[in-house]
N, C-alpha and C. Protein backbone atom coordinates (compact mmCIF):
# COMPACT_ATOMS: atom_id res chain seq x y z
N UNK A 1 -13.96 -5.22 -17.56
CA UNK A 1 -14.19 -6.57 -17.05
C UNK A 1 -13.52 -7.58 -17.99
N UNK A 2 -13.07 -8.65 -17.39
CA UNK A 2 -12.46 -9.73 -18.13
C UNK A 2 -13.34 -10.97 -17.95
N UNK A 3 -13.87 -11.49 -19.04
CA UNK A 3 -14.82 -12.61 -18.98
C UNK A 3 -14.22 -13.88 -18.38
N UNK A 4 -12.90 -14.01 -18.42
CA UNK A 4 -12.25 -15.21 -17.89
C UNK A 4 -11.81 -15.07 -16.43
N UNK A 5 -11.99 -13.90 -15.86
CA UNK A 5 -11.48 -13.62 -14.51
C UNK A 5 -12.53 -13.92 -13.44
N UNK A 6 -12.16 -14.77 -12.49
CA UNK A 6 -13.09 -15.14 -11.42
C UNK A 6 -13.50 -13.93 -10.58
N UNK A 7 -12.57 -13.00 -10.34
CA UNK A 7 -12.91 -11.82 -9.54
C UNK A 7 -13.83 -10.88 -10.32
N UNK A 8 -13.64 -10.78 -11.62
CA UNK A 8 -14.56 -9.98 -12.44
C UNK A 8 -15.96 -10.60 -12.40
N UNK A 9 -16.02 -11.93 -12.37
CA UNK A 9 -17.32 -12.60 -12.27
C UNK A 9 -17.97 -12.35 -10.91
N UNK A 10 -17.17 -12.23 -9.86
CA UNK A 10 -17.72 -11.88 -8.55
C UNK A 10 -18.23 -10.44 -8.58
N UNK A 11 -17.46 -9.53 -9.18
CA UNK A 11 -17.90 -8.14 -9.33
C UNK A 11 -19.22 -8.09 -10.10
N UNK A 12 -19.34 -8.89 -11.15
CA UNK A 12 -20.54 -8.92 -11.99
C UNK A 12 -21.68 -9.75 -11.42
N UNK A 13 -21.49 -10.26 -10.21
CA UNK A 13 -22.52 -11.07 -9.51
C UNK A 13 -22.84 -12.37 -10.24
N UNK A 14 -21.93 -12.85 -11.06
CA UNK A 14 -22.09 -14.13 -11.74
C UNK A 14 -21.67 -15.28 -10.84
N UNK A 15 -20.78 -14.99 -9.89
CA UNK A 15 -20.32 -15.97 -8.91
C UNK A 15 -20.59 -15.37 -7.53
N UNK A 16 -21.21 -16.14 -6.64
CA UNK A 16 -21.52 -15.59 -5.31
C UNK A 16 -20.27 -15.45 -4.44
N UNK A 17 -20.32 -14.49 -3.55
CA UNK A 17 -19.26 -14.29 -2.56
C UNK A 17 -19.91 -13.64 -1.34
N UNK A 18 -19.29 -13.83 -0.19
CA UNK A 18 -19.77 -13.18 1.03
C UNK A 18 -19.14 -11.79 1.06
N UNK A 19 -19.93 -10.80 0.67
CA UNK A 19 -19.43 -9.43 0.57
C UNK A 19 -19.28 -8.81 1.95
N UNK A 20 -18.20 -8.06 2.10
CA UNK A 20 -17.91 -7.34 3.32
C UNK A 20 -18.08 -5.84 3.09
N UNK A 21 -17.80 -5.40 1.85
CA UNK A 21 -17.89 -3.98 1.49
C UNK A 21 -18.04 -3.87 -0.02
N UNK A 22 -18.80 -2.85 -0.43
CA UNK A 22 -18.91 -2.57 -1.86
C UNK A 22 -19.23 -1.11 -2.07
N UNK A 23 -18.54 -0.50 -3.03
CA UNK A 23 -18.90 0.81 -3.52
C UNK A 23 -18.71 0.79 -5.03
N UNK A 24 -18.68 1.93 -5.67
CA UNK A 24 -18.60 1.95 -7.13
C UNK A 24 -17.21 1.57 -7.67
N UNK A 25 -16.17 1.58 -6.80
CA UNK A 25 -14.82 1.29 -7.27
C UNK A 25 -14.18 0.04 -6.66
N UNK A 26 -14.64 -0.34 -5.47
CA UNK A 26 -13.97 -1.39 -4.69
C UNK A 26 -14.97 -2.43 -4.21
N UNK A 27 -14.51 -3.67 -4.17
CA UNK A 27 -15.29 -4.77 -3.62
C UNK A 27 -14.41 -5.52 -2.62
N UNK A 28 -14.97 -5.86 -1.47
CA UNK A 28 -14.26 -6.65 -0.46
C UNK A 28 -15.14 -7.83 -0.09
N UNK A 29 -14.52 -9.01 -0.02
CA UNK A 29 -15.29 -10.22 0.29
C UNK A 29 -14.40 -11.20 1.04
N UNK A 30 -15.05 -12.11 1.77
CA UNK A 30 -14.32 -13.12 2.53
C UNK A 30 -13.64 -14.10 1.59
N UNK A 31 -12.40 -14.45 1.92
CA UNK A 31 -11.66 -15.44 1.15
C UNK A 31 -12.30 -16.81 1.37
N UNK A 32 -12.44 -17.60 0.32
CA UNK A 32 -13.06 -18.93 0.44
C UNK A 32 -12.13 -19.94 1.10
N UNK A 33 -10.85 -19.62 1.19
CA UNK A 33 -9.86 -20.48 1.84
C UNK A 33 -9.09 -19.63 2.86
N UNK A 34 -9.75 -19.24 3.95
CA UNK A 34 -9.13 -18.28 4.87
C UNK A 34 -7.88 -18.84 5.57
N UNK A 35 -6.89 -17.97 5.69
CA UNK A 35 -5.64 -18.31 6.35
C UNK A 35 -5.55 -17.69 7.74
N UNK A 36 -6.60 -17.01 8.16
CA UNK A 36 -6.69 -16.39 9.48
C UNK A 36 -8.17 -16.22 9.78
N UNK A 37 -8.52 -15.98 11.05
CA UNK A 37 -9.94 -15.78 11.37
C UNK A 37 -10.59 -14.66 10.55
N UNK A 38 -9.83 -13.61 10.26
CA UNK A 38 -10.28 -12.57 9.33
C UNK A 38 -9.38 -12.67 8.11
N UNK A 39 -9.97 -12.96 6.97
CA UNK A 39 -9.23 -13.02 5.70
C UNK A 39 -10.16 -12.49 4.62
N UNK A 40 -9.97 -11.22 4.31
CA UNK A 40 -10.82 -10.51 3.36
C UNK A 40 -9.98 -10.14 2.15
N UNK A 41 -10.52 -10.37 0.98
CA UNK A 41 -9.89 -9.93 -0.26
C UNK A 41 -10.49 -8.59 -0.66
N UNK A 42 -9.64 -7.65 -1.00
CA UNK A 42 -10.08 -6.31 -1.39
C UNK A 42 -9.56 -6.07 -2.80
N UNK A 43 -10.49 -5.80 -3.71
CA UNK A 43 -10.14 -5.69 -5.13
C UNK A 43 -10.72 -4.43 -5.75
N UNK A 44 -10.04 -3.92 -6.79
CA UNK A 44 -10.70 -2.87 -7.58
C UNK A 44 -11.74 -3.55 -8.47
N UNK A 45 -12.83 -2.87 -8.71
CA UNK A 45 -13.84 -3.44 -9.60
C UNK A 45 -13.33 -3.47 -11.05
N UNK A 46 -12.49 -2.52 -11.39
CA UNK A 46 -11.90 -2.51 -12.72
C UNK A 46 -10.87 -3.63 -12.79
N UNK A 47 -10.80 -4.30 -13.93
CA UNK A 47 -9.83 -5.39 -14.08
C UNK A 47 -8.43 -4.81 -14.29
N UNK A 48 -7.59 -5.04 -13.30
CA UNK A 48 -6.17 -4.70 -13.36
C UNK A 48 -5.47 -6.00 -12.98
N UNK A 49 -4.63 -6.52 -13.85
CA UNK A 49 -4.04 -7.84 -13.62
C UNK A 49 -3.04 -7.85 -12.47
N UNK A 50 -2.11 -6.91 -12.48
CA UNK A 50 -1.06 -6.89 -11.45
C UNK A 50 -0.71 -5.46 -11.08
N UNK A 51 0.13 -5.33 -10.07
CA UNK A 51 0.62 -4.02 -9.64
C UNK A 51 1.29 -3.31 -10.82
N UNK A 52 1.99 -4.05 -11.65
CA UNK A 52 2.72 -3.46 -12.77
C UNK A 52 1.80 -2.77 -13.77
N UNK A 53 0.53 -3.16 -13.80
CA UNK A 53 -0.42 -2.55 -14.74
C UNK A 53 -1.09 -1.29 -14.20
N UNK A 54 -0.83 -0.97 -12.94
CA UNK A 54 -1.45 0.21 -12.34
C UNK A 54 -1.00 1.47 -13.06
N UNK A 55 -1.93 2.25 -13.51
CA UNK A 55 -1.63 3.56 -14.10
C UNK A 55 -2.18 4.67 -13.22
N UNK A 56 -3.36 4.47 -12.69
CA UNK A 56 -4.01 5.45 -11.83
C UNK A 56 -3.78 5.05 -10.38
N UNK A 57 -2.85 5.71 -9.72
CA UNK A 57 -2.48 5.34 -8.35
C UNK A 57 -3.57 5.66 -7.33
N UNK A 58 -4.61 6.37 -7.74
CA UNK A 58 -5.72 6.62 -6.81
C UNK A 58 -6.43 5.31 -6.46
N UNK A 59 -6.25 4.28 -7.29
CA UNK A 59 -6.81 2.96 -7.00
C UNK A 59 -6.26 2.45 -5.67
N UNK A 60 -4.97 2.64 -5.44
CA UNK A 60 -4.33 2.20 -4.20
C UNK A 60 -4.93 2.93 -3.01
N UNK A 61 -5.14 4.21 -3.15
CA UNK A 61 -5.76 5.01 -2.08
C UNK A 61 -7.15 4.46 -1.75
N UNK A 62 -7.93 4.16 -2.77
CA UNK A 62 -9.27 3.62 -2.55
C UNK A 62 -9.23 2.27 -1.85
N UNK A 63 -8.33 1.39 -2.28
CA UNK A 63 -8.22 0.06 -1.69
C UNK A 63 -7.78 0.14 -0.22
N UNK A 64 -6.79 0.99 0.06
CA UNK A 64 -6.31 1.11 1.44
C UNK A 64 -7.36 1.74 2.34
N UNK A 65 -8.14 2.68 1.83
CA UNK A 65 -9.22 3.26 2.63
C UNK A 65 -10.24 2.19 3.02
N UNK A 66 -10.55 1.30 2.10
CA UNK A 66 -11.48 0.22 2.38
C UNK A 66 -10.87 -0.76 3.37
N UNK A 67 -9.59 -1.10 3.21
CA UNK A 67 -8.96 -2.03 4.15
C UNK A 67 -8.95 -1.45 5.57
N UNK A 68 -8.71 -0.17 5.69
CA UNK A 68 -8.74 0.48 7.01
C UNK A 68 -10.14 0.37 7.61
N UNK A 69 -11.15 0.64 6.82
CA UNK A 69 -12.54 0.57 7.28
C UNK A 69 -12.92 -0.86 7.68
N UNK A 70 -12.57 -1.83 6.86
CA UNK A 70 -12.90 -3.23 7.14
C UNK A 70 -12.17 -3.71 8.40
N UNK A 71 -10.91 -3.33 8.55
CA UNK A 71 -10.16 -3.70 9.76
C UNK A 71 -10.84 -3.17 11.01
N UNK A 72 -11.34 -1.94 10.94
CA UNK A 72 -12.06 -1.37 12.08
C UNK A 72 -13.36 -2.12 12.33
N UNK A 73 -14.11 -2.41 11.27
CA UNK A 73 -15.38 -3.12 11.41
C UNK A 73 -15.19 -4.54 11.94
N UNK A 74 -14.10 -5.18 11.56
CA UNK A 74 -13.82 -6.55 12.00
C UNK A 74 -13.14 -6.60 13.37
N UNK A 75 -12.79 -5.43 13.91
CA UNK A 75 -12.20 -5.36 15.24
C UNK A 75 -10.73 -5.77 15.31
N UNK A 76 -10.03 -5.72 14.18
CA UNK A 76 -8.62 -6.08 14.19
C UNK A 76 -7.70 -4.86 14.11
N UNK A 77 -8.30 -3.68 14.09
CA UNK A 77 -7.50 -2.47 13.96
C UNK A 77 -6.64 -2.20 15.20
N UNK A 78 -7.06 -2.66 16.35
CA UNK A 78 -6.31 -2.42 17.59
C UNK A 78 -5.28 -3.52 17.86
N UNK A 79 -5.58 -4.76 17.47
CA UNK A 79 -4.69 -5.88 17.77
C UNK A 79 -3.64 -6.09 16.69
N UNK A 80 -3.91 -5.66 15.49
CA UNK A 80 -2.96 -5.77 14.39
C UNK A 80 -3.47 -6.64 13.26
N UNK A 81 -3.00 -6.33 12.09
CA UNK A 81 -3.38 -7.08 10.89
C UNK A 81 -2.28 -6.97 9.86
N UNK A 82 -2.38 -7.82 8.86
CA UNK A 82 -1.40 -7.84 7.78
C UNK A 82 -2.13 -7.59 6.47
N UNK A 83 -1.48 -6.82 5.60
CA UNK A 83 -1.96 -6.59 4.25
C UNK A 83 -0.93 -7.19 3.30
N UNK A 84 -1.40 -8.07 2.41
CA UNK A 84 -0.50 -8.76 1.49
C UNK A 84 -1.00 -8.54 0.06
N UNK A 85 -0.07 -8.24 -0.83
CA UNK A 85 -0.37 -8.22 -2.26
C UNK A 85 0.71 -9.05 -2.94
N UNK A 86 0.29 -9.95 -3.79
CA UNK A 86 1.21 -10.78 -4.55
C UNK A 86 1.26 -10.28 -5.99
N UNK A 87 2.45 -10.38 -6.59
CA UNK A 87 2.63 -9.92 -7.97
C UNK A 87 3.30 -11.03 -8.76
N UNK A 88 2.51 -11.67 -9.61
CA UNK A 88 3.06 -12.68 -10.50
C UNK A 88 3.11 -14.08 -9.91
N UNK A 89 3.44 -15.01 -10.77
CA UNK A 89 3.41 -16.44 -10.44
C UNK A 89 4.32 -16.81 -9.28
N UNK A 90 5.56 -16.32 -9.28
CA UNK A 90 6.51 -16.71 -8.23
C UNK A 90 6.12 -16.20 -6.85
N UNK A 91 5.27 -15.20 -6.78
CA UNK A 91 4.82 -14.69 -5.48
C UNK A 91 3.64 -15.48 -4.94
N UNK A 92 3.03 -16.28 -5.80
CA UNK A 92 1.85 -17.03 -5.40
C UNK A 92 0.55 -16.38 -5.83
N UNK A 93 0.61 -15.40 -6.73
CA UNK A 93 -0.62 -14.77 -7.21
C UNK A 93 -1.41 -15.80 -8.01
N UNK A 94 -2.52 -16.26 -7.44
CA UNK A 94 -3.31 -17.32 -8.07
C UNK A 94 -4.38 -16.78 -9.01
N UNK A 95 -4.85 -15.57 -8.76
CA UNK A 95 -5.89 -14.96 -9.59
C UNK A 95 -5.29 -13.72 -10.25
N UNK A 96 -5.28 -13.67 -11.58
CA UNK A 96 -4.69 -12.53 -12.28
C UNK A 96 -5.61 -11.30 -12.29
N UNK A 97 -5.88 -10.80 -11.10
CA UNK A 97 -6.66 -9.57 -10.89
C UNK A 97 -6.08 -8.98 -9.62
N UNK A 98 -5.63 -7.75 -9.67
CA UNK A 98 -5.03 -7.10 -8.51
C UNK A 98 -5.92 -7.29 -7.29
N UNK A 99 -5.33 -7.78 -6.20
CA UNK A 99 -6.11 -7.94 -4.97
C UNK A 99 -5.18 -7.90 -3.77
N UNK A 100 -5.74 -7.43 -2.69
CA UNK A 100 -5.04 -7.35 -1.42
C UNK A 100 -5.70 -8.31 -0.44
N UNK A 101 -4.89 -9.00 0.33
CA UNK A 101 -5.38 -9.87 1.40
C UNK A 101 -5.28 -9.07 2.70
N UNK A 102 -6.38 -8.96 3.42
CA UNK A 102 -6.41 -8.36 4.75
C UNK A 102 -6.57 -9.51 5.73
N UNK A 103 -5.54 -9.75 6.54
CA UNK A 103 -5.50 -10.89 7.45
C UNK A 103 -5.37 -10.43 8.89
N UNK A 104 -6.10 -11.04 9.78
CA UNK A 104 -5.98 -10.72 11.20
C UNK A 104 -6.83 -11.65 12.05
N UNK A 105 -6.88 -11.33 13.33
CA UNK A 105 -7.67 -12.13 14.25
C UNK A 105 -6.87 -13.19 14.96
N UNK A 106 -5.58 -13.26 14.70
CA UNK A 106 -4.67 -14.18 15.39
C UNK A 106 -3.26 -13.62 15.23
N UNK A 107 -2.32 -14.18 15.99
CA UNK A 107 -0.93 -13.78 15.86
C UNK A 107 -0.40 -14.28 14.52
N UNK A 108 0.17 -13.39 13.76
CA UNK A 108 0.72 -13.71 12.44
C UNK A 108 2.24 -13.72 12.56
N UNK A 109 2.87 -14.77 12.13
CA UNK A 109 4.31 -14.94 12.29
C UNK A 109 5.08 -14.38 11.11
N UNK A 110 6.37 -14.13 11.34
CA UNK A 110 7.25 -13.64 10.30
C UNK A 110 8.52 -14.46 10.30
N UNK A 111 9.08 -14.85 9.20
CA UNK A 111 8.59 -14.55 7.85
C UNK A 111 7.36 -15.38 7.51
N UNK A 112 6.56 -14.88 6.57
CA UNK A 112 5.31 -15.55 6.26
C UNK A 112 5.48 -16.86 5.51
N UNK A 113 6.58 -17.05 4.80
CA UNK A 113 6.86 -18.33 4.26
C UNK A 113 6.65 -18.66 2.86
């Protein structure tokens, strides 16, 4: 855990969030600034700053399994959804904790911009 990380504080229940899924390795919660009707952030509970810091690739498997489950539960698995991960400042990564955005519930345009 990183004491300065907002997502670590959500994992530690120091900051409230609307949880969508939780197990011993992964936490999923609604984004506070949703960009689509369904906008869920899926994070590892362990503090990993960026994709570049990943050493154990099983983390990706765990995160994608949760995103698949959440997409099914939210009813966007049939209509389509987007999974986004940002890496670093130029990509728009605002929180330095690895996280995936699961977006759906409306038509998503390309390029995303």
